[in-house]
PDB file of N, CA and C in Angstrom:
ATOM      1  N   ASN A   1     -20.824 -41.854 129.801  1.00  0.00           N
ATOM      2  CA  ASN A   1     -22.393 -42.423 129.981  1.00  0.00           C
ATOM      3  C   ASN A   1     -22.812 -42.154 131.127  1.00  0.00           C
ATOM      4  N   TYR A   2     -24.267 -41.816 131.391  1.00  0.00           N
ATOM      5  CA  TYR A   2     -25.050 -41.165 132.304  1.00  0.00           C
ATOM      6  C   TYR A   2     -24.999 -42.027 133.526  1.00  0.00           C
ATOM      7  N   SER A   3     -25.164 -43.650 133.421  1.00  0.00           N
ATOM      8  CA  SER A   3     -24.721 -43.996 134.723  1.00  0.00           C
ATOM      9  C   SER A   3     -23.333 -44.197 135.158  1.00  0.00           C
ATOM     10  N   THR A   4     -22.392 -43.881 134.477  1.00  0.00           N
ATOM     11  CA  THR A   4     -20.824 -43.831 135.260  1.00  0.00           C
ATOM     12  C   THR A   4     -20.995 -42.840 135.998  1.00  0.00           C
ATOM     13  N   ALA A   5     -21.241 -41.742 135.340  1.00  0.00           N
ATOM     14  CA  ALA A   5     -21.234 -40.192 135.623  1.00  0.00           C
ATOM     15  C   ALA A   5     -22.467 -40.218 136.752  1.00  0.00           C
ATOM     16  N   LEU A   6     -23.278 -40.348 137.018  1.00  0.00           N
ATOM     17  CA  LEU A   6     -23.577 -40.485 138.345  1.00  0.00           C
ATOM     18  C   LEU A   6     -23.241 -41.402 139.263  1.00  0.00           C
ATOM     19  N   THR A   7     -23.169 -42.510 138.903  1.00  0.00           N
ATOM     20  CA  THR A   7     -21.520 -43.514 139.957  1.00  0.00           C
ATOM     21  C   THR A   7     -20.477 -42.606 140.683  1.00  0.00           C
ATOM     22  N   GLU A   8     -19.849 -42.377 139.386  1.00  0.00           N
ATOM     23  CA  GLU A   8     -18.636 -41.245 140.140  1.00  0.00           C
ATOM     24  C   GLU A   8     -19.560 -40.315 141.347  1.00  0.00           C
ATOM     25  N   ALA A   9     -20.188 -39.472 140.866  1.00  0.00           N
ATOM     26  CA  ALA A   9     -21.062 -38.700 141.533  1.00  0.00           C
ATOM     27  C   ALA A   9     -21.415 -38.551 142.872  1.00  0.00           C
ATOM     28  N   LEU A  10     -22.036 -39.675 143.077  1.00  0.00           N
ATOM     29  CA  LEU A  10     -22.393 -40.486 144.034  1.00  0.00           C
ATOM     30  C   LEU A  10     -21.350 -40.506 144.894  1.00  0.00           C
ATOM     31  N   GLU A  11     -19.816 -41.564 144.482  1.00  0.00           N
ATOM     32  CA  GLU A  11     -18.973 -41.919 144.792  1.00  0.00           C
ATOM     33  C   GLU A  11     -18.396 -40.881 145.975  1.00  0.00           C
ATOM     34  N   GLU A  12     -18.352 -39.094 144.609  1.00  0.00           N
ATOM     35  CA  GLU A  12     -17.349 -38.266 145.329  1.00  0.00           C
ATOM     36  C   GLU A  12     -18.363 -37.507 145.939  1.00  0.00           C
ATOM     37  N   ALA A  13     -19.729 -37.613 146.452  1.00  0.00           N
ATOM     38  CA  ALA A  13     -20.674 -37.051 148.065  1.00  0.00           C
ATOM     39  C   ALA A  13     -20.668 -37.746 149.002  1.00  0.00           C
ATOM     40  N   ARG A  14     -19.869 -39.270 148.890  1.00  0.00           N
ATOM     41  CA  ARG A  14     -20.266 -40.032 149.918  1.00  0.00           C
ATOM     42  C   ARG A  14     -18.489 -39.425 150.169  1.00  0.00           C
ATOM     43  N   GLN A  15     -17.610 -39.871 149.224  1.00  0.00           N
ATOM     44  CA  GLN A  15     -16.537 -38.862 150.351  1.00  0.00           C
ATOM     45  C   GLN A  15     -16.275 -38.016 150.793  1.00  0.00           C
ATOM     46  N   ILE A  16     -16.920 -36.706 150.566  1.00  0.00           N
ATOM     47  CA  ILE A  16     -17.500 -35.249 151.030  1.00  0.00           C
ATOM     48  C   ILE A  16     -17.889 -35.735 152.043  1.00  0.00           C
ATOM     49  N   ILE A  17     -18.784 -36.703 152.827  1.00  0.00           N
ATOM     50  CA  ILE A  17     -19.662 -36.649 153.568  1.00  0.00           C
ATOM     51  C   ILE A  17     -19.061 -37.077 154.381  1.00  0.00           C
ATOM     52  N   GLU A  18     -18.099 -38.327 154.165  1.00  0.00           N
ATOM     53  CA  GLU A  18     -17.645 -39.092 155.371  1.00  0.00           C
ATOM     54  C   GLU A  18     -16.664 -38.080 156.009  1.00  0.00           C
ATOM     55  N   GLU A  19     -15.410 -36.721 155.273  1.00  0.00           N
ATOM     56  CA  GLU A  19     -14.951 -36.328 155.196  1.00  0.00           C
ATOM     57  C   GLU A  19     -15.337 -35.327 156.666  1.00  0.00           C
ATOM     58  N   ALA A  20     -16.851 -34.461 156.298  1.00  0.00           N
ATOM     59  CA  ALA A  20     -17.184 -33.966 157.114  1.00  0.00           C
ATOM     60  C   ALA A  20     -17.773 -34.516 158.441  1.00  0.00           C
ATOM     61  N   ARG A  21     -18.165 -35.823 158.168  1.00  0.00           N
ATOM     62  CA  ARG A  21     -18.467 -36.567 159.322  1.00  0.00           C
ATOM     63  C   ARG A  21     -17.173 -36.427 160.452  1.00  0.00           C
ATOM     64  N   VAL A  22     -16.146 -36.906 159.626  1.00  0.00           N
ATOM     65  CA  VAL A  22     -14.622 -36.956 160.570  1.00  0.00           C
ATOM     66  C   VAL A  22     -14.321 -35.727 161.159  1.00  0.00           C
ATOM     67  N   VAL A  23     -14.893 -34.342 160.723  1.00  0.00           N
ATOM     68  CA  VAL A  23     -14.782 -32.613 161.037  1.00  0.00           C
ATOM     69  C   VAL A  23     -15.390 -32.902 162.443  1.00  0.00           C
ATOM     70  N   LEU A  24     -16.874 -32.856 162.477  1.00  0.00           N
ATOM     71  CA  LEU A  24     -17.497 -32.912 163.073  1.00  0.00           C
ATOM     72  C   LEU A  24     -17.274 -33.592 164.782  1.00  0.00           C
ATOM     73  N   ARG A  25     -16.514 -34.892 164.248  1.00  0.00           N
ATOM     74  CA  ARG A  25     -16.912 -35.788 165.212  1.00  0.00           C
ATOM     75  C   ARG A  25     -15.178 -35.075 166.048  1.00  0.00           C
ATOM     76  N   GLN A  26     -14.217 -34.598 165.377  1.00  0.00           N
ATOM     77  CA  GLN A  26     -13.315 -34.053 165.242  1.00  0.00           C
ATOM     78  C   GLN A  26     -13.643 -32.911 166.449  1.00  0.00           C
ATOM     79  N   ALA A  27     -14.614 -32.162 166.041  1.00  0.00           N
ATOM     80  CA  ALA A  27     -15.167 -30.567 166.765  1.00  0.00           C
ATOM     81  C   ALA A  27     -16.752 -31.182 167.801  1.00  0.00           C
ATOM     82  N   GLY A  28     -16.765 -32.480 168.108  1.00  0.00           N
ATOM     83  CA  GLY A  28     -17.412 -32.449 168.638  1.00  0.00           C
ATOM     84  C   GLY A  28     -19.216 -32.297 168.597  1.00  0.00           C
ATOM     85  N   GLY A  29     -18.882 -32.020 167.181  1.00  0.00           N
ATOM     86  CA  GLY A  29     -20.452 -31.890 166.775  1.00  0.00           C
ATOM     87  C   GLY A  29     -21.229 -32.616 166.553  1.00  0.00           C
ATOM     88  N   PRO A  30     -22.377 -32.894 165.505  1.00  0.00           N
ATOM     89  CA  PRO A  30     -23.436 -33.722 165.593  1.00  0.00           C
ATOM     90  C   PRO A  30     -23.484 -34.392 164.900  1.00  0.00           C
ATOM     91  N   GLU A  31     -24.011 -35.234 164.569  1.00  0.00           N
ATOM     92  CA  GLU A  31     -23.425 -36.893 163.140  1.00  0.00           C
ATOM     93  C   GLU A  31     -24.774 -35.873 162.416  1.00  0.00           C
ATOM     94  N   PRO A  32     -24.124 -35.806 161.095  1.00  0.00           N
ATOM     95  CA  PRO A  32     -24.729 -35.395 159.979  1.00  0.00           C
ATOM     96  C   PRO A  32     -26.086 -35.634 159.363  1.00  0.00           C
ATOM     97  N   GLU A  33     -27.008 -35.306 159.074  1.00  0.00           N
ATOM     98  CA  GLU A  33     -28.555 -35.825 158.097  1.00  0.00           C
ATOM     99  C   GLU A  33     -27.552 -35.696 156.908  1.00  0.00           C
ATOM    100  N   THR A  34     -28.015 -37.393 156.341  1.00  0.00           N
ATOM    101  CA  THR A  34     -27.801 -37.557 154.963  1.00  0.00           C
ATOM    102  C   THR A  34     -28.847 -38.468 154.092  1.00  0.00           C
ATOM    103  N   GLU A  35     -29.202 -37.818 153.300  1.00  0.00           N
ATOM    104  CA  GLU A  35     -30.619 -38.946 152.300  1.00  0.00           C
ATOM    105  C   GLU A  35     -30.359 -38.488 150.476  1.00  0.00           C
ATOM    106  N   ALA A  36     -30.263 -39.438 150.058  1.00  0.00           N
ATOM    107  CA  ALA A  36     -29.583 -39.093 148.364  1.00  0.00           C
ATOM    108  C   ALA A  36     -31.399 -38.940 148.104  1.00  0.00           C
ATOM    109  N   LEU A  37     -31.367 -38.003 146.794  1.00  0.00           N
ATOM    110  CA  LEU A  37     -33.191 -37.689 146.917  1.00  0.00           C
ATOM    111  C   LEU A  37     -32.878 -37.011 145.358  1.00  0.00           C
ATOM    112  N   GLY A  38     -34.179 -37.451 144.534  1.00  0.00           N
ATOM    113  CA  GLY A  38     -33.985 -36.737 142.525  1.00  0.00           C
ATOM    114  C   GLY A  38     -34.194 -35.172 143.315  1.00  0.00           C
ATOM    115  N   GLY A  39     -34.447 -35.441 141.570  1.00  0.00           N
ATOM    116  CA  GLY A  39     -35.107 -33.930 141.396  1.00  0.00           C
ATOM    117  C   GLY A  39     -34.375 -32.508 140.791  1.00  0.00           C
ATOM    118  N   ALA A  40     -34.604 -31.425 140.616  1.00  0.00           N
ATOM    119  CA  ALA A  40     -33.984 -29.949 140.916  1.00  0.00           C
ATOM    120  C   ALA A  40     -33.225 -29.615 141.885  1.00  0.00           C
ATOM    121  N   PRO A  41     -31.969 -29.987 141.589  1.00  0.00           N
ATOM    122  CA  PRO A  41     -31.134 -29.862 143.142  1.00  0.00           C
ATOM    123  C   PRO A  41     -31.938 -28.666 144.403  1.00  0.00           C
ATOM    124  N   ALA A  42     -31.442 -27.528 143.811  1.00  0.00           N
ATOM    125  CA  ALA A  42     -32.302 -26.333 144.810  1.00  0.00           C
ATOM    126  C   ALA A  42     -33.406 -26.256 145.193  1.00  0.00           C
ATOM    127  N   ASP A  43     -34.588 -26.975 144.185  1.00  0.00           N
ATOM    128  CA  ASP A  43     -35.595 -26.926 144.689  1.00  0.00           C
ATOM    129  C   ASP A  43     -35.909 -28.200 145.984  1.00  0.00           C
ATOM    130  N   THR A  44     -35.238 -29.244 145.498  1.00  0.00           N
ATOM    131  CA  THR A  44     -35.350 -30.358 146.293  1.00  0.00           C
ATOM    132  C   THR A  44     -34.725 -29.888 147.584  1.00  0.00           C
ATOM    133  N   ILE A  45     -33.938 -29.456 148.200  1.00  0.00           N
ATOM    134  CA  ILE A  45     -32.985 -28.932 149.380  1.00  0.00           C
ATOM    135  C   ILE A  45     -33.831 -27.588 149.836  1.00  0.00           C
ATOM    136  N   VAL A  46     -34.317 -26.967 148.754  1.00  0.00           N
ATOM    137  CA  VAL A  46     -35.139 -26.101 149.406  1.00  0.00           C
ATOM    138  C   VAL A  46     -36.293 -26.596 150.351  1.00  0.00           C
ATOM    139  N   SER A  47     -36.602 -27.806 149.390  1.00  0.00           N
ATOM    140  CA  SER A  47     -38.120 -27.922 149.956  1.00  0.00           C
ATOM    141  C   SER A  47     -37.973 -28.861 151.196  1.00  0.00           C
ATOM    142  N   VAL A  48     -36.853 -29.598 151.122  1.00  0.00           N
ATOM    143  CA  VAL A  48     -36.502 -30.599 152.382  1.00  0.00           C
ATOM    144  C   VAL A  48     -36.218 -29.606 153.777  1.00  0.00           C
ATOM    145  N   ALA A  49     -35.084 -28.127 153.212  1.00  0.00           N
ATOM    146  CA  ALA A  49     -35.014 -27.435 154.532  1.00  0.00           C
ATOM    147  C   ALA A  49     -36.055 -27.080 155.027  1.00  0.00           C
ATOM    148  N   ARG A  50     -37.531 -26.517 154.055  1.00  0.00           N
ATOM    149  CA  ARG A  50     -38.177 -26.062 154.940  1.00  0.00           C
ATOM    150  C   ARG A  50     -39.178 -26.791 155.618  1.00  0.00           C
ATOM    151  N   ASP A  51     -39.437 -28.322 155.309  1.00  0.00           N
ATOM    152  CA  ASP A  51     -40.244 -29.169 155.942  1.00  0.00           C
ATOM    153  C   ASP A  51     -39.881 -29.582 156.722  1.00  0.00           C
ATOM    154  N   GLY A  52     -38.190 -29.094 156.972  1.00  0.00           N
ATOM    155  CA  GLY A  52     -37.665 -30.389 158.003  1.00  0.00           C
ATOM    156  C   GLY A  52     -37.101 -29.614 159.611  1.00  0.00           C
ATOM    157  N   ASP A  53     -36.751 -30.318 160.178  1.00  0.00           N
ATOM    158  CA  ASP A  53     -36.316 -29.518 162.121  1.00  0.00           C
ATOM    159  C   ASP A  53     -35.136 -29.377 161.896  1.00  0.00           C
ATOM    160  N   TYR A  54     -34.664 -28.483 161.041  1.00  0.00           N
ATOM    161  CA  TYR A  54     -32.964 -28.089 160.852  1.00  0.00           C
ATOM    162  C   TYR A  54     -32.642 -26.856 161.772  1.00  0.00           C
ATOM    163  N   ASP A  55     -32.039 -26.431 162.214  1.00  0.00           N
ATOM    164  CA  ASP A  55     -31.185 -24.963 162.342  1.00  0.00           C
ATOM    165  C   ASP A  55     -30.338 -24.974 161.546  1.00  0.00           C
ATOM    166  N   LEU A  56     -29.406 -25.365 160.429  1.00  0.00           N
ATOM    167  CA  LEU A  56     -28.589 -24.801 159.579  1.00  0.00           C
ATOM    168  C   LEU A  56     -28.775 -25.795 158.230  1.00  0.00           C
ATOM    169  N   VAL A  57     -28.809 -25.152 157.139  1.00  0.00           N
ATOM    170  CA  VAL A  57     -28.417 -25.599 156.071  1.00  0.00           C
ATOM    171  C   VAL A  57     -27.064 -25.671 155.940  1.00  0.00           C
ATOM    172  N   VAL A  58     -26.210 -26.898 155.057  1.00  0.00           N
ATOM    173  CA  VAL A  58     -24.954 -26.546 154.496  1.00  0.00           C
ATOM    174  C   VAL A  58     -25.219 -27.172 153.117  1.00  0.00           C
ATOM    175  N   VAL A  59     -24.407 -26.229 152.260  1.00  0.00           N
ATOM    176  CA  VAL A  59     -24.442 -26.587 150.444  1.00  0.00           C
ATOM    177  C   VAL A  59     -22.851 -26.021 150.283  1.00  0.00           C
ATOM    178  N   GLY A  60     -22.375 -26.990 148.567  1.00  0.00           N
ATOM    179  CA  GLY A  60     -21.372 -26.279 148.626  1.00  0.00           C
ATOM    180  C   GLY A  60     -21.670 -25.400 147.554  1.00  0.00           C
ATOM    181  N   THR A  61     -20.230 -25.260 146.631  1.00  0.00           N
ATOM    182  CA  THR A  61     -20.249 -24.979 145.552  1.00  0.00           C
ATOM    183  C   THR A  61     -19.224 -25.642 144.257  1.00  0.00           C
ATOM    184  N   ARG A  62     -19.843 -25.636 143.588  1.00  0.00           N
ATOM    185  CA  ARG A  62     -18.814 -25.702 142.116  1.00  0.00           C
ATOM    186  C   ARG A  62     -17.693 -25.178 141.991  1.00  0.00           C
ATOM    187  N   GLY A  63     -18.021 -24.047 142.290  1.00  0.00           N
ATOM    188  CA  GLY A  63     -16.719 -22.867 141.237  1.00  0.00           C
ATOM    189  C   GLY A  63     -17.056 -23.210 140.125  1.00  0.00           C
ATOM    190  N   ARG A  64     -17.868 -23.138 139.283  1.00  0.00           N
ATOM    191  CA  ARG A  64     -18.164 -22.268 138.325  1.00  0.00           C
ATOM    192  C   ARG A  64     -17.489 -21.056 137.378  1.00  0.00           C
ATOM    193  N   GLY A  65     -17.296 -20.336 138.586  1.00  0.00           N
ATOM    194  CA  GLY A  65     -17.345 -18.689 138.188  1.00  0.00           C
ATOM    195  C   GLY A  65     -18.560 -18.006 137.801  1.00  0.00           C
ATOM    196  N   ARG A  66     -17.994 -16.607 137.590  1.00  0.00           N
ATOM    197  CA  ARG A  66     -19.643 -15.900 137.596  1.00  0.00           C
ATOM    198  C   ARG A  66     -20.669 -15.709 136.308  1.00  0.00           C
ATOM    199  N   LEU A  67     -20.056 -16.209 135.119  1.00  0.00           N
ATOM    200  CA  LEU A  67     -20.146 -16.590 133.813  1.00  0.00           C
ATOM    201  C   LEU A  67     -21.140 -18.235 134.173  1.00  0.00           C
ATOM    202  N   GLY A  68     -20.346 -18.726 134.504  1.00  0.00           N
ATOM    203  CA  GLY A  68     -21.284 -20.442 134.774  1.00  0.00           C
ATOM    204  C   GLY A  68     -22.651 -20.180 135.388  1.00  0.00           C
ATOM    205  N   ALA A  69     -22.646 -19.359 136.813  1.00  0.00           N
ATOM    206  CA  ALA A  69     -23.501 -19.190 137.464  1.00  0.00           C
ATOM    207  C   ALA A  69     -24.599 -18.784 136.813  1.00  0.00           C
ATOM    208  N   ALA A  70     -24.053 -17.098 136.579  1.00  0.00           N
ATOM    209  CA  ALA A  70     -25.621 -16.642 135.707  1.00  0.00           C
ATOM    210  C   ALA A  70     -25.768 -17.604 134.699  1.00  0.00           C
ATOM    211  N   LEU A  71     -25.324 -18.048 133.667  1.00  0.00           N
ATOM    212  CA  LEU A  71     -25.768 -19.037 132.879  1.00  0.00           C
ATOM    213  C   LEU A  71     -26.665 -20.582 133.503  1.00  0.00           C
ATOM    214  N   LEU A  72     -25.999 -21.142 134.361  1.00  0.00           N
ATOM    215  CA  LEU A  72     -26.433 -21.913 135.170  1.00  0.00           C
ATOM    216  C   LEU A  72     -27.590 -21.845 135.984  1.00  0.00           C
ATOM    217  N   GLY A  73     -27.198 -21.220 136.903  1.00  0.00           N
ATOM    218  CA  GLY A  73     -27.957 -20.705 138.302  1.00  0.00           C
ATOM    219  C   GLY A  73     -27.343 -21.507 139.349  1.00  0.00           C
ATOM    220  N   SER A  74     -27.544 -20.534 140.269  1.00  0.00           N
ATOM    221  CA  SER A  74     -26.755 -21.506 141.001  1.00  0.00           C
ATOM    222  C   SER A  74     -27.597 -21.806 142.146  1.00  0.00           C
ATOM    223  N   VAL A  75     -27.271 -22.977 142.508  1.00  0.00           N
ATOM    224  CA  VAL A  75     -28.012 -23.738 143.552  1.00  0.00           C
ATOM    225  C   VAL A  75     -28.186 -23.108 145.077  1.00  0.00           C
ATOM    226  N   SER A  76     -26.340 -22.807 145.455  1.00  0.00           N
ATOM    227  CA  SER A  76     -26.272 -22.805 146.544  1.00  0.00           C
ATOM    228  C   SER A  76     -27.150 -21.025 146.824  1.00  0.00           C
ATOM    229  N   SER A  77     -26.825 -20.183 145.625  1.00  0.00           N
ATOM    230  CA  SER A  77     -27.728 -19.106 145.760  1.00  0.00           C
ATOM    231  C   SER A  77     -29.503 -19.285 146.418  1.00  0.00           C
ATOM    232  N   THR A  78     -29.398 -19.871 145.058  1.00  0.00           N
ATOM    233  CA  THR A  78     -31.407 -19.984 145.199  1.00  0.00           C
ATOM    234  C   THR A  78     -31.710 -20.787 146.632  1.00  0.00           C
ATOM    235  N   VAL A  79     -30.614 -21.540 147.242  1.00  0.00           N
ATOM    236  CA  VAL A  79     -30.708 -22.452 148.705  1.00  0.00           C
ATOM    237  C   VAL A  79     -30.874 -20.810 149.105  1.00  0.00           C
ATOM    238  N   ALA A  80     -30.213 -20.240 149.738  1.00  0.00           N
ATOM    239  CA  ALA A  80     -29.844 -19.164 150.608  1.00  0.00           C
ATOM    240  C   ALA A  80     -30.798 -18.044 150.814  1.00  0.00           C
ATOM    241  N   ALA A  81     -31.541 -17.878 149.660  1.00  0.00           N
ATOM    242  CA  ALA A  81     -32.535 -17.277 149.413  1.00  0.00           C
ATOM    243  C   ALA A  81     -33.395 -17.733 149.490  1.00  0.00           C
ATOM    244  N   ARG A  82     -34.250 -18.625 149.457  1.00  0.00           N
ATOM    245  CA  ARG A  82     -35.443 -19.930 149.495  1.00  0.00           C
ATOM    246  C   ARG A  82     -35.702 -20.583 150.771  1.00  0.00           C
ATOM    247  N   ALA A  83     -34.679 -21.043 151.476  1.00  0.00           N
ATOM    248  CA  ALA A  83     -34.769 -22.167 152.318  1.00  0.00           C
ATOM    249  C   ALA A  83     -35.411 -21.540 153.650  1.00  0.00           C
ATOM    250  N   GLY A  84     -35.810 -20.429 154.405  1.00  0.00           N
ATOM    251  CA  GLY A  84     -36.370 -19.880 154.858  1.00  0.00           C
ATOM    252  C   GLY A  84     -35.925 -20.015 156.252  1.00  0.00           C
ATOM    253  N   ARG A  85     -33.999 -20.694 156.553  1.00  0.00           N
ATOM    254  CA  ARG A  85     -33.189 -21.105 157.303  1.00  0.00           C
ATOM    255  C   ARG A  85     -32.083 -20.192 157.553  1.00  0.00           C
ATOM    256  N   PRO A  86     -31.321 -20.183 158.051  1.00  0.00           N
ATOM    257  CA  PRO A  86     -30.209 -19.895 158.086  1.00  0.00           C
ATOM    258  C   PRO A  86     -29.490 -21.180 156.515  1.00  0.00           C
ATOM    259  N   VAL A  87     -28.359 -20.854 156.329  1.00  0.00           N
ATOM    260  CA  VAL A  87     -27.887 -21.267 154.997  1.00  0.00           C
ATOM    261  C   VAL A  87     -26.665 -21.533 155.349  1.00  0.00           C
ATOM    262  N   LEU A  88     -25.344 -22.142 155.419  1.00  0.00           N
ATOM    263  CA  LEU A  88     -23.795 -22.248 155.278  1.00  0.00           C
ATOM    264  C   LEU A  88     -23.891 -22.437 153.434  1.00  0.00           C
ATOM    265  N   VAL A  89     -22.911 -21.253 153.154  1.00  0.00           N
ATOM    266  CA  VAL A  89     -22.197 -21.808 151.380  1.00  0.00           C
ATOM    267  C   VAL A  89     -21.041 -22.115 151.891  1.00  0.00           C
ATOM    268  N   VAL A  90     -20.044 -22.958 151.404  1.00  0.00           N
ATOM    269  CA  VAL A  90     -19.123 -23.671 151.675  1.00  0.00           C
ATOM    270  C   VAL A  90     -18.276 -23.678 150.412  1.00  0.00           C
ATOM    271  N   GLY A  91     -17.381 -23.150 149.974  1.00  0.00           N
ATOM    272  CA  GLY A  91     -16.655 -23.538 148.974  1.00  0.00           C
ATOM    273  C   GLY A  91     -16.203 -24.094 148.718  1.00  0.00           C
ATOM    274  N   ASP A  92     -15.176 -24.732 147.741  1.00  0.00           N
ATOM    275  CA  ASP A  92     -14.577 -25.819 147.401  1.00  0.00           C
ATOM    276  C   ASP A  92     -12.429 -25.470 147.989  1.00  0.00           C
ATOM    277  N   GLY A  93     -12.144 -24.138 148.958  1.00  0.00           N
ATOM    278  CA  GLY A  93     -10.892 -23.367 148.629  1.00  0.00           C
ATOM    279  C   GLY A  93     -10.306 -23.440 147.331  1.00  0.00           C
ATOM    280  N   ASP A  94     -10.291 -23.409 146.359  1.00  0.00           N
ATOM    281  CA  ASP A  94      -9.825 -22.702 145.059  1.00  0.00           C
ATOM    282  C   ASP A  94      -9.448 -21.055 145.187  1.00  0.00           C
TER     283      ASP A  94
END
């Protein structure tokens, strides 16, 4: 069901953000800013990136492969092309 999938996705996102915070603290980096927003992912990220005062936008990939990216579109590619500032795309390591 949609509600369960959303809850699971949000929990996974929280875990990833916490892992990023730990790594940034260990490296002496800044605390990442986080905010949960609704809307089409690429459009929402691009809008926030353009309107905000950010030095870098970091997005991940889901690893769908070429066919999946071609059929479904790629959030990271769209953000990198339209954000108007540097974008770092981080893969899942697979």
